[in-house]
Amino acid sequence: MDTASLTTSLIAALPEVFLACAGIFILMVGVFSGARATHTAMLLSVAALVGALVLVLFGPSRAAFAFNDLFVNDGFGDFMKIVVLGAAALTLIISFGYIRREQLDRFEYPVLLVFAVVGMLMMISANDLISLYVGLELQSLALYVVAAFRRDTLRSSEAGLKYFLLGALSSGMMLYGMSLVYGFTGTTSFTVLADHFAGQAAAGQELWLGALVGLVFVVAGLAFKISAVPFHMWTPDVYEGAPTSVTAFFAAAPKVAAMALVVRVLMGPFGAWVEQWQQIVVFVSIASMLLGALAAIQQTNIKRLMAYSSIGHVGYALVGLAAGTEAGIRGVAIYMAIYVLMTIGTFACILCMRQKERMVEGIDDLKGLSKTHPLMALALAIFMFSMAGIPPMAGFFGKIYVFLPAIEAGLYALAVIGVLTSVVACYYYLRIVKLMYFDEPAEGFDRPVGREVGAVIAGTAVLVLFFFVAPGPLVDGAAAAADAFFAVAG
């Protein structure tokens, strides 16, 4: 690669390059900062994430393809990167007080999250099976460590070990699938694969069985990353065992990046074979919605409940992908953005669940919260109503935008099952509201709520509650992202 091409490629990947360099700088600052290393590293990490967000939004014009077509820039990628960077910054902000109180204030924590986000951005812009895998593993290696960050707690160590072992298994499955795709097509480039399969479909030829099996293995590996059924088994244990601030991060940013990657892989190189992979996505979507709705009913730990809830929400997002249309991709983008708001707001509330200077996680600990912490109860009720899909909350519109494309694509059974599972899921969401407003108060939570946590709770609650007033910016941005995706993929 000559100097001009290298410069063009570096500018194309400027947010990723900036964030990677910032992570290395923060690591060095942390090493030499002494007692205030963690606080300094946290502030710099948030600033770095915001800086990368600004570069995505307002940075110099970037080439569509870079690094010999390993890397792609388009409106879809930019939209998803904005959601990921925003989610990561917010989860770091609500972690400030938590890691200090729980004696987890080590400067490596924010540095690991920054490097995980670099991997996520690379995943979103991957245009080759090799760059896909590099980004995925960069994210995963950092997340394996933070899952077990509380080294003196058995649950956290167990969570990290389970995540690592199952993650290694999923990576092996994905690599095997990639090798099959490469073996039968002779390329790993998404662009070349898309042209090859489009020509094959136009000629009326069948997709090679080996390439189809490879696709199945690749989708299985990606399904692990979004915790979709039947590759969800790690989610409840890791969510419960990991430190709560880490769980909040797991539930938000990596989910968006992995969902963007699933869209990129299926609608890009394999876009000509929608009917081949659509049945896989429909099955995974239905299974995830059913498990998320039914398994969460019996949960007594709010972090495990949120784990099963996230599995269900992945199923709803996959409804839009199953449609295989531009409207479906727009629905996925809208749903994931709304999901991030609801999830971060809910986990900010969970981080406030402290009694006698220790964290509590029981759902019954929320009894009578409206009498002891009325504003927190109001915000949590808004998030629960939104997750249940009750109008006029944002979650209702998110489901509308994924169900309608499925109906337009003739996937009536999938849409009906989605609606029915939403009704079932209302039980455990509304149960939390009932406990907060109609039961006698349990022991109240410690005061005060940190200012940064309170600001995030208030901001996300307002956005979720009043989304219907001005949905235009998000809907228009998602529509432009889907249009740009198909323009580049086409």
Protein backbone atom coordinates (compact mmCIF):
# COMPACT_ATOMS: atom_id res chain seq x y z
CA MET A 1 0.00 0.00 0.00
CA ASP A 2 1.54 3.34 -1.06
CA THR A 3 1.68 6.44 1.14
CA ALA A 4 -1.36 8.11 -0.47
CA SER A 5 -3.50 4.99 -0.06
CA LEU A 6 -2.36 4.58 3.54
CA THR A 7 -3.22 8.20 4.34
CA THR A 8 -6.65 7.83 2.75
CA SER A 9 -7.25 4.64 4.72
CA LEU A 10 -6.18 6.20 8.02
CA ILE A 11 -8.53 9.14 7.44
CA ALA A 12 -11.31 6.67 6.60
CA ALA A 13 -10.75 4.97 9.95
CA LEU A 14 -10.05 8.19 11.86
CA PRO A 15 -12.50 7.55 14.76
CA GLU A 16 -11.04 4.07 15.29
CA VAL A 17 -7.44 5.30 15.01
CA PHE A 18 -8.14 8.18 17.38
CA LEU A 19 -9.78 5.90 19.95
CA ALA A 20 -7.01 3.30 19.77
CA CYS A 21 -4.33 5.99 20.26
CA ALA A 22 -6.39 7.51 23.08
CA GLY A 23 -6.59 4.10 24.78
CA ILE A 24 -2.80 3.73 24.67
CA PHE A 25 -2.36 7.30 25.98
CA ILE A 26 -4.84 6.72 28.83
CA LEU A 27 -3.03 3.50 29.74
CA MET A 28 0.27 5.40 30.05
CA VAL A 29 -1.38 8.21 32.02
CA GLY A 30 -2.87 5.64 34.39
CA VAL A 31 0.50 4.02 35.00
CA PHE A 32 2.11 7.31 36.07
CA SER A 33 -0.83 9.06 37.79
CA GLY A 34 -0.54 7.53 41.25
CA ALA A 35 -3.52 7.68 43.62
CA ARG A 36 -5.84 9.52 41.20
CA ALA A 37 -5.10 7.18 38.29
CA THR A 38 -8.59 5.68 38.08
CA HIS A 39 -10.47 8.97 38.25
CA THR A 40 -8.18 10.52 35.64
CA ALA A 41 -8.46 7.49 33.37
CA MET A 42 -12.27 7.49 33.65
CA LEU A 43 -12.50 11.17 32.72
CA LEU A 44 -10.09 10.77 29.80
CA SER A 45 -11.95 7.67 28.58
CA VAL A 46 -15.28 9.48 28.51
CA ALA A 47 -13.59 12.39 26.72
CA ALA A 48 -12.04 9.98 24.19
CA LEU A 49 -15.41 8.34 23.47
CA VAL A 50 -17.04 11.74 23.02
CA GLY A 51 -14.16 12.80 20.78
CA ALA A 52 -14.61 9.71 18.60
CA LEU A 53 -18.35 10.46 18.46
CA VAL A 54 -17.60 13.99 17.26
CA LEU A 55 -15.26 12.61 14.59
CA VAL A 56 -18.01 10.30 13.32
CA LEU A 57 -20.50 13.16 13.21
CA PHE A 58 -18.38 16.09 12.10
CA GLY A 59 -15.01 14.67 11.08
CA PRO A 60 -13.43 15.02 7.62
CA SER A 61 -15.01 13.31 4.65
CA ARG A 62 -13.94 9.67 4.61
CA ALA A 63 -13.53 7.24 1.73
CA ALA A 64 -16.21 4.55 1.36
CA PHE A 65 -13.66 1.72 1.30
CA ALA A 66 -10.23 1.55 2.90
CA PHE A 67 -7.35 -0.82 3.65
CA ASN A 68 -7.82 -2.73 0.38
CA ASP A 69 -11.58 -3.03 0.93
CA LEU A 70 -11.20 -4.58 4.39
CA PHE A 71 -12.95 -1.56 5.90
CA VAL A 72 -16.14 0.14 4.77
CA ASN A 73 -17.70 3.51 5.67
CA ASP A 74 -21.37 4.17 5.09
CA GLY A 75 -24.30 5.88 6.75
CA PHE A 76 -25.40 2.66 8.41
CA GLY A 77 -22.02 2.18 10.03
CA ASP A 78 -21.92 5.79 11.21
CA PHE A 79 -25.40 5.51 12.75
CA MET A 80 -24.49 2.35 14.65
CA LYS A 81 -21.14 3.80 15.74
CA ILE A 82 -22.92 6.83 17.20
CA VAL A 83 -25.20 4.52 19.20
CA VAL A 84 -22.26 2.39 20.41
CA LEU A 85 -20.11 5.37 21.40
CA GLY A 86 -23.04 7.06 23.16
CA ALA A 87 -23.87 3.85 25.03
CA ALA A 88 -20.26 3.31 26.06
CA ALA A 89 -19.85 6.91 27.28
CA LEU A 90 -23.08 6.75 29.32
CA THR A 91 -22.18 3.42 30.94
CA LEU A 92 -18.78 4.82 31.92
CA ILE A 93 -20.44 7.91 33.39
CA ILE A 94 -22.80 5.88 35.59
CA SER A 95 -19.83 3.70 36.67
CA PHE A 96 -17.93 6.52 38.41
CA GLY A 97 -19.46 6.15 41.86
CA TYR A 98 -19.99 2.39 41.61
CA ILE A 99 -16.38 1.37 41.01
CA ARG A 100 -15.24 3.68 43.81
CA ARG A 101 -17.74 2.30 46.33
CA GLU A 102 -17.13 -1.32 45.34
CA GLN A 103 -13.34 -0.87 45.51
CA LEU A 104 -12.93 -1.64 41.82
CA ASP A 105 -11.19 1.64 41.11
CA ARG A 106 -8.34 0.41 38.97
CA PHE A 107 -7.41 2.44 35.92
CA GLU A 108 -7.35 -0.66 33.71
CA TYR A 109 -11.17 -0.77 33.85
CA PRO A 110 -11.90 2.23 31.57
CA VAL A 111 -8.90 1.38 29.35
CA LEU A 112 -10.28 -2.10 28.69
CA LEU A 113 -13.69 -0.66 27.83
CA VAL A 114 -12.11 1.81 25.40
CA PHE A 115 -10.28 -0.99 23.59
CA ALA A 116 -13.48 -3.04 23.54
CA VAL A 117 -15.21 -0.12 21.84
CA VAL A 118 -12.40 0.06 19.25
CA GLY A 119 -13.17 -3.57 18.44
CA MET A 120 -16.88 -2.77 18.16
CA LEU A 121 -16.26 0.06 15.71
CA MET A 122 -14.09 -2.25 13.62
CA MET A 123 -16.86 -4.86 13.66
CA ILE A 124 -19.41 -2.35 12.42
CA SER A 125 -17.16 -1.32 9.52
CA ALA A 126 -15.90 -4.81 8.65
CA ASN A 127 -16.01 -5.57 4.91
CA ASP A 128 -14.14 -8.85 5.02
CA LEU A 129 -14.35 -12.03 7.08
CA ILE A 130 -10.80 -11.42 8.35
CA SER A 131 -11.42 -7.85 9.55
CA LEU A 132 -14.72 -9.06 11.03
CA TYR A 133 -12.86 -11.61 13.14
CA VAL A 134 -10.12 -9.21 14.24
CA GLY A 135 -12.66 -6.65 15.45
CA LEU A 136 -14.75 -9.30 17.16
CA GLU A 137 -11.81 -10.74 19.08
CA LEU A 138 -10.49 -7.32 20.09
CA GLN A 139 -13.87 -6.65 21.66
CA SER A 140 -14.17 -10.08 23.22
CA LEU A 141 -10.71 -10.22 24.82
CA ALA A 142 -11.34 -6.98 26.70
CA LEU A 143 -14.82 -8.10 27.78
CA TYR A 144 -13.54 -11.45 29.10
CA VAL A 145 -11.33 -9.52 31.51
CA VAL A 146 -13.89 -6.98 32.74
CA ALA A 147 -16.46 -9.74 33.32
CA ALA A 148 -14.10 -11.18 35.95
CA PHE A 149 -12.86 -7.80 37.14
CA ARG A 150 -13.92 -8.38 40.75
CA ARG A 151 -11.21 -10.94 41.40
CA ASP A 152 -12.08 -11.55 45.05
CA THR A 153 -15.65 -12.65 44.24
CA LEU A 154 -16.39 -16.19 43.14
CA ARG A 155 -19.43 -15.16 41.07
CA SER A 156 -17.44 -12.66 39.04
CA SER A 157 -14.61 -15.11 38.40
CA GLU A 158 -17.15 -17.74 37.36
CA ALA A 159 -18.86 -15.25 35.03
CA GLY A 160 -15.59 -14.38 33.33
CA LEU A 161 -14.61 -18.05 32.94
CA LYS A 162 -17.99 -19.03 31.48
CA TYR A 163 -17.93 -16.12 29.08
CA PHE A 164 -14.40 -16.96 27.99
CA LEU A 165 -15.02 -20.68 27.43
CA LEU A 166 -18.27 -20.22 25.54
CA GLY A 167 -16.81 -17.27 23.65
CA ALA A 168 -13.88 -19.42 22.53
CA LEU A 169 -16.33 -22.08 21.37
CA SER A 170 -18.33 -19.55 19.35
CA SER A 171 -15.13 -18.14 17.81
CA GLY A 172 -14.11 -21.62 16.74
CA MET A 173 -17.50 -22.22 15.14
CA MET A 174 -17.28 -18.91 13.33
CA LEU A 175 -13.76 -19.60 12.05
CA TYR A 176 -14.87 -23.00 10.77
CA GLY A 177 -17.78 -21.36 8.94
CA MET A 178 -15.45 -18.74 7.46
CA SER A 179 -13.08 -21.44 6.24
CA LEU A 180 -15.96 -23.20 4.48
CA VAL A 181 -17.09 -19.97 2.83
CA TYR A 182 -13.54 -19.25 1.69
CA GLY A 183 -12.99 -22.82 0.54
CA PHE A 184 -16.04 -22.81 -1.72
CA THR A 185 -15.76 -19.24 -3.02
CA GLY A 186 -12.04 -18.47 -2.92
CA THR A 187 -12.50 -15.09 -1.22
CA THR A 188 -13.20 -13.52 2.16
CA SER A 189 -14.17 -10.07 0.83
CA PHE A 190 -17.80 -9.08 1.41
CA THR A 191 -17.83 -7.11 -1.84
CA VAL A 192 -16.53 -10.01 -3.95
CA LEU A 193 -18.81 -12.49 -2.16
CA ALA A 194 -21.83 -10.27 -2.82
CA ASP A 195 -21.00 -10.02 -6.54
CA HIS A 196 -20.36 -13.75 -6.75
CA PHE A 197 -23.59 -14.78 -5.06
CA ALA A 198 -25.63 -12.18 -6.95
CA GLY A 199 -24.32 -13.59 -10.24
CA GLN A 200 -25.06 -17.10 -9.05
CA ALA A 201 -28.63 -16.16 -8.12
CA ALA A 202 -29.18 -14.29 -11.41
CA ALA A 203 -28.08 -17.38 -13.33
CA GLY A 204 -30.62 -19.50 -11.45
CA GLN A 205 -27.95 -21.59 -9.75
CA GLU A 206 -28.33 -23.04 -6.27
CA LEU A 207 -26.14 -21.84 -3.41
CA TRP A 208 -23.35 -24.34 -2.85
CA LEU A 209 -24.11 -26.59 0.11
CA GLY A 210 -20.66 -26.03 1.60
CA ALA A 211 -21.06 -22.25 1.49
CA LEU A 212 -24.53 -22.60 3.05
CA VAL A 213 -23.14 -24.73 5.89
CA GLY A 214 -20.40 -22.15 6.35
CA LEU A 215 -23.01 -19.41 6.59
CA VAL A 216 -24.85 -21.40 9.27
CA PHE A 217 -21.68 -21.67 11.37
CA VAL A 218 -20.89 -17.96 10.94
CA VAL A 219 -24.45 -17.02 11.99
CA ALA A 220 -24.15 -19.36 15.00
CA GLY A 221 -21.00 -17.57 16.14
CA LEU A 222 -22.62 -14.16 15.70
CA ALA A 223 -25.75 -15.35 17.52
CA PHE A 224 -23.57 -15.99 20.57
CA LYS A 225 -22.39 -12.38 20.53
CA ILE A 226 -25.97 -11.03 20.54
CA SER A 227 -27.03 -13.74 23.06
CA ALA A 228 -29.74 -15.11 20.79
CA VAL A 229 -31.30 -18.51 21.45
CA PRO A 230 -29.94 -21.23 21.33
CA PHE A 231 -26.59 -19.54 22.04
CA HIS A 232 -27.82 -17.55 25.03
CA MET A 233 -26.68 -19.86 27.83
CA TRP A 234 -23.91 -17.56 29.05
CA THR A 235 -26.08 -14.48 29.41
CA PRO A 236 -27.95 -14.92 32.74
CA ASP A 237 -24.89 -16.13 34.67
CA VAL A 238 -22.56 -13.49 33.24
CA TYR A 239 -25.07 -10.69 33.78
CA GLU A 240 -25.58 -11.76 37.39
CA GLY A 241 -21.95 -12.48 38.23
CA ALA A 242 -20.20 -9.56 36.56
CA PRO A 243 -19.97 -6.20 38.39
CA THR A 244 -23.18 -4.27 37.78
CA SER A 245 -21.48 -1.50 35.82
CA VAL A 246 -19.94 -4.14 33.54
CA THR A 247 -23.33 -5.78 33.11
CA ALA A 248 -24.75 -2.42 32.04
CA PHE A 249 -22.00 -2.15 29.42
CA PHE A 250 -22.58 -5.74 28.22
CA ALA A 251 -26.29 -5.10 27.84
CA ALA A 252 -25.84 -1.99 25.69
CA ALA A 253 -22.82 -1.32 23.46
CA PRO A 254 -21.71 -4.87 22.45
CA LYS A 255 -25.29 -5.79 21.58
CA VAL A 256 -25.56 -2.91 19.12
CA ALA A 257 -22.20 -3.65 17.50
CA ALA A 258 -22.95 -7.37 17.15
CA MET A 259 -26.41 -6.68 15.71
CA ALA A 260 -24.87 -4.28 13.19
CA LEU A 261 -22.39 -6.99 12.24
CA VAL A 262 -25.16 -9.56 11.78
CA VAL A 263 -26.94 -7.11 9.45
CA ARG A 264 -23.68 -6.39 7.62
CA VAL A 265 -22.94 -10.09 7.03
CA LEU A 266 -26.40 -11.31 6.09
CA MET A 267 -27.58 -8.36 4.00
CA GLY A 268 -24.17 -7.72 2.42
CA PRO A 269 -22.31 -10.74 1.04
CA PHE A 270 -25.31 -13.06 1.45
CA GLY A 271 -27.95 -10.51 0.48
CA ALA A 272 -28.79 -12.42 -2.71
CA TRP A 273 -29.76 -15.49 -0.68
CA VAL A 274 -32.32 -13.99 1.69
CA GLU A 275 -34.59 -17.01 1.35
CA GLN A 276 -31.72 -19.29 2.47
CA TRP A 277 -30.92 -17.53 5.72
CA GLN A 278 -34.32 -16.02 6.43
CA GLN A 279 -35.62 -19.26 7.94
CA ILE A 280 -32.62 -19.39 10.30
CA VAL A 281 -33.24 -15.81 11.46
CA VAL A 282 -36.98 -16.46 11.87
CA PHE A 283 -36.27 -19.51 14.06
CA VAL A 284 -33.70 -17.68 16.19
CA SER A 285 -36.03 -14.68 16.54
CA ILE A 286 -39.02 -16.76 17.64
CA ALA A 287 -36.93 -18.83 20.06
CA SER A 288 -35.37 -15.70 21.58
CA MET A 289 -38.72 -13.94 22.00
CA LEU A 290 -40.31 -17.01 23.60
CA LEU A 291 -37.44 -17.71 25.98
CA GLY A 292 -37.07 -14.06 26.91
CA ALA A 293 -40.79 -13.80 27.69
CA LEU A 294 -41.21 -17.07 29.58
CA ALA A 295 -37.92 -17.58 31.43
CA ALA A 296 -37.92 -14.08 32.96
CA ILE A 297 -41.23 -14.67 34.74
CA GLN A 298 -39.69 -16.75 37.53
CA GLN A 299 -36.63 -14.56 38.14
CA THR A 300 -36.10 -12.94 41.52
CA ASN A 301 -32.77 -11.26 40.72
CA ILE A 302 -33.19 -8.10 38.69
CA LYS A 303 -29.90 -8.57 36.81
CA ARG A 304 -30.96 -12.06 35.68
CA LEU A 305 -34.34 -10.64 34.71
CA MET A 306 -32.59 -8.03 32.57
CA ALA A 307 -30.52 -10.82 30.99
CA TYR A 308 -33.61 -12.67 29.82
CA SER A 309 -35.19 -9.35 28.85
CA SER A 310 -32.18 -8.60 26.61
CA ILE A 311 -32.55 -12.01 24.96
CA GLY A 312 -36.17 -11.16 24.19
CA HIS A 313 -35.24 -7.74 22.80
CA VAL A 314 -32.67 -9.33 20.49
CA GLY A 315 -35.49 -11.51 19.19
CA TYR A 316 -37.61 -8.44 18.45
CA ALA A 317 -34.73 -6.73 16.62
CA LEU A 318 -34.23 -9.86 14.51
CA VAL A 319 -37.85 -9.59 13.35
CA GLY A 320 -36.82 -6.55 11.30
CA LEU A 321 -33.76 -8.34 9.90
CA ALA A 322 -35.87 -11.36 8.93
CA ALA A 323 -37.85 -9.14 6.55
CA GLY A 324 -34.67 -8.69 4.50
CA THR A 325 -35.74 -5.24 3.27
CA GLU A 326 -34.59 -1.65 3.62
CA ALA A 327 -37.54 -0.93 5.91
CA GLY A 328 -36.50 -3.87 8.05
CA ILE A 329 -32.94 -2.58 8.44
CA ARG A 330 -34.33 0.84 9.35
CA GLY A 331 -36.45 -0.87 12.00
CA VAL A 332 -33.43 -2.69 13.43
CA ALA A 333 -31.48 0.59 13.68
CA ILE A 334 -34.38 2.36 15.42
CA TYR A 335 -35.01 -0.53 17.78
CA MET A 336 -31.39 -0.84 18.88
CA ALA A 337 -31.12 2.91 19.56
CA ILE A 338 -34.27 2.85 21.70
CA TYR A 339 -33.14 -0.37 23.40
CA VAL A 340 -29.90 1.32 24.46
CA LEU A 341 -31.78 4.22 26.07
CA MET A 342 -34.10 1.89 27.99
CA THR A 343 -31.30 -0.42 29.10
CA ILE A 344 -28.87 2.24 30.29
CA GLY A 345 -31.64 4.04 32.17
CA THR A 346 -32.71 0.80 33.87
CA PHE A 347 -29.17 -0.14 34.87
CA ALA A 348 -28.58 3.35 36.20
CA CYS A 349 -31.52 2.70 38.52
CA ILE A 350 -30.13 -0.73 39.44
CA LEU A 351 -26.82 0.90 40.38
CA CYS A 352 -28.75 2.96 42.93
CA MET A 353 -30.04 -0.19 44.69
CA ARG A 354 -27.86 0.01 47.81
CA GLN A 355 -28.78 -0.77 51.41
CA LYS A 356 -26.40 -0.27 54.32
CA GLU A 357 -23.51 0.41 51.93
CA ARG A 358 -23.93 -2.80 49.94
CA MET A 359 -25.53 -3.57 46.61
CA VAL A 360 -28.82 -5.46 46.55
CA GLU A 361 -30.25 -7.15 43.48
CA GLY A 362 -33.55 -8.69 44.58
CA ILE A 363 -36.67 -7.59 42.74
CA ASP A 364 -38.50 -7.57 46.09
CA ASP A 365 -36.09 -4.90 47.31
CA LEU A 366 -38.02 -2.49 45.05
CA LYS A 367 -41.17 -2.76 47.17
CA GLY A 368 -42.65 0.61 48.03
CA LEU A 369 -39.95 2.50 46.12
CA SER A 370 -42.50 5.15 45.11
CA LYS A 371 -42.76 6.18 48.77
CA THR A 372 -39.05 6.23 49.57
CA HIS A 373 -37.59 7.36 46.20
CA PRO A 374 -40.52 8.69 44.14
CA LEU A 375 -38.48 10.12 41.25
CA MET A 376 -36.42 6.97 40.85
CA ALA A 377 -39.62 4.88 40.94
CA LEU A 378 -41.16 7.11 38.26
CA ALA A 379 -38.14 6.74 35.99
CA LEU A 380 -37.97 2.97 36.47
CA ALA A 381 -41.71 2.70 35.76
CA ILE A 382 -41.18 4.61 32.49
CA PHE A 383 -38.42 2.18 31.47
CA MET A 384 -40.54 -0.85 32.37
CA PHE A 385 -43.56 0.44 30.43
CA SER A 386 -41.30 1.14 27.46
CA MET A 387 -39.69 -2.30 27.53
CA ALA A 388 -43.15 -3.83 27.67
CA GLY A 389 -44.06 -1.89 24.52
CA ILE A 390 -46.86 0.14 26.05
CA PRO A 391 -47.72 3.38 24.22
CA PRO A 392 -46.77 6.18 24.13
CA MET A 393 -43.33 5.07 25.34
CA ALA A 394 -40.45 4.76 22.89
CA GLY A 395 -40.39 0.96 23.16
CA PHE A 396 -43.86 0.78 21.58
CA PHE A 397 -42.65 2.63 18.48
CA GLY A 398 -39.50 0.50 18.35
CA LYS A 399 -41.62 -2.63 18.06
CA ILE A 400 -43.89 -1.01 15.49
CA TYR A 401 -40.88 -0.28 13.28
CA VAL A 402 -39.71 -3.92 13.31
CA PHE A 403 -43.12 -5.61 13.11
CA LEU A 404 -44.44 -3.62 10.13
CA PRO A 405 -41.61 -4.64 7.72
CA ALA A 406 -42.15 -8.28 8.74
CA ILE A 407 -45.85 -7.98 7.90
CA GLU A 408 -45.02 -6.31 4.58
CA ALA A 409 -42.65 -9.22 3.81
CA GLY A 410 -45.43 -11.75 4.48
CA LEU A 411 -43.99 -12.98 7.80
CA TYR A 412 -47.37 -12.82 9.53
CA ALA A 413 -46.72 -15.65 11.98
CA LEU A 414 -43.46 -14.04 13.12
CA ALA A 415 -45.18 -10.70 13.75
CA VAL A 416 -48.07 -12.34 15.62
CA ILE A 417 -45.67 -14.32 17.84
CA GLY A 418 -43.79 -11.08 18.51
CA VAL A 419 -46.97 -9.36 19.66
CA LEU A 420 -48.02 -12.32 21.84
CA THR A 421 -44.62 -12.60 23.52
CA SER A 422 -44.74 -8.85 24.18
CA VAL A 423 -48.03 -9.40 26.02
CA VAL A 424 -46.49 -12.21 28.09
CA ALA A 425 -43.44 -10.08 28.88
CA CYS A 426 -45.73 -7.36 30.23
CA TYR A 427 -46.25 -9.55 33.29
CA TYR A 428 -42.75 -9.27 34.69
CA TYR A 429 -42.26 -5.66 33.66
CA LEU A 430 -45.54 -4.55 35.22
CA ARG A 431 -44.85 -6.68 38.29
CA ILE A 432 -41.95 -4.35 39.07
CA VAL A 433 -44.26 -1.33 38.72
CA LYS A 434 -46.78 -3.03 41.00
CA LEU A 435 -44.12 -3.70 43.65
CA MET A 436 -42.95 -0.09 43.56
CA TYR A 437 -46.38 1.53 43.74
CA PHE A 438 -48.73 -0.88 45.51
CA ASP A 439 -46.65 -2.81 48.05
CA GLU A 440 -45.55 -1.66 51.46
CA PRO A 441 -42.06 -0.17 51.48
CA ALA A 442 -39.13 -2.45 52.04
CA GLU A 443 -35.97 -1.08 53.60
CA GLY A 444 -35.17 2.13 51.73
CA PHE A 445 -32.13 2.53 49.53
CA ASP A 446 -29.14 4.59 50.63
CA ARG A 447 -29.07 8.24 49.68
CA PRO A 448 -27.97 10.25 47.87
CA VAL A 449 -27.97 9.11 44.27
CA GLY A 450 -24.82 10.33 42.52
CA ARG A 451 -25.30 13.44 40.38
CA GLU A 452 -24.01 11.79 37.23
CA VAL A 453 -26.27 8.76 37.74
CA GLY A 454 -29.25 10.99 38.47
CA ALA A 455 -28.59 13.01 35.33
CA VAL A 456 -28.44 9.86 33.16
CA ILE A 457 -31.64 8.47 34.71
CA ALA A 458 -33.48 11.76 34.16
CA GLY A 459 -32.17 12.24 30.62
CA THR A 460 -32.94 8.73 29.39
CA ALA A 461 -36.38 8.76 31.07
CA VAL A 462 -37.31 12.03 29.34
CA LEU A 463 -36.14 10.73 25.95
CA VAL A 464 -38.08 7.48 26.35
CA LEU A 465 -41.24 9.17 27.61
CA PHE A 466 -41.37 11.98 25.07
CA PHE A 467 -39.99 10.15 22.05
CA PHE A 468 -43.40 10.42 20.36
CA VAL A 469 -43.19 14.22 20.46
CA ALA A 470 -40.21 14.39 18.09
CA PRO A 471 -39.34 10.97 16.63
CA GLY A 472 -38.13 12.58 13.39
CA PRO A 473 -34.36 12.82 14.06
CA LEU A 474 -34.01 9.16 15.03
CA VAL A 475 -36.38 7.81 12.37
CA ASP A 476 -34.89 9.97 9.61
CA GLY A 477 -31.35 9.06 10.70
CA ALA A 478 -32.17 5.35 10.68
CA ALA A 479 -33.87 5.66 7.26
CA ALA A 480 -30.81 7.42 5.84
CA ALA A 481 -28.58 4.74 7.39
CA ALA A 482 -30.59 1.91 5.79
CA ASP A 483 -30.62 3.71 2.44
CA ALA A 484 -26.85 4.22 2.58
CA PHE A 485 -26.31 0.59 3.50
CA PHE A 486 -28.17 -0.65 0.46
CA ALA A 487 -26.42 1.92 -1.75
CA VAL A 488 -23.00 0.60 -0.71
CA ALA A 489 -24.09 -3.06 -0.64
CA GLY A 490 -25.66 -2.69 -4.06
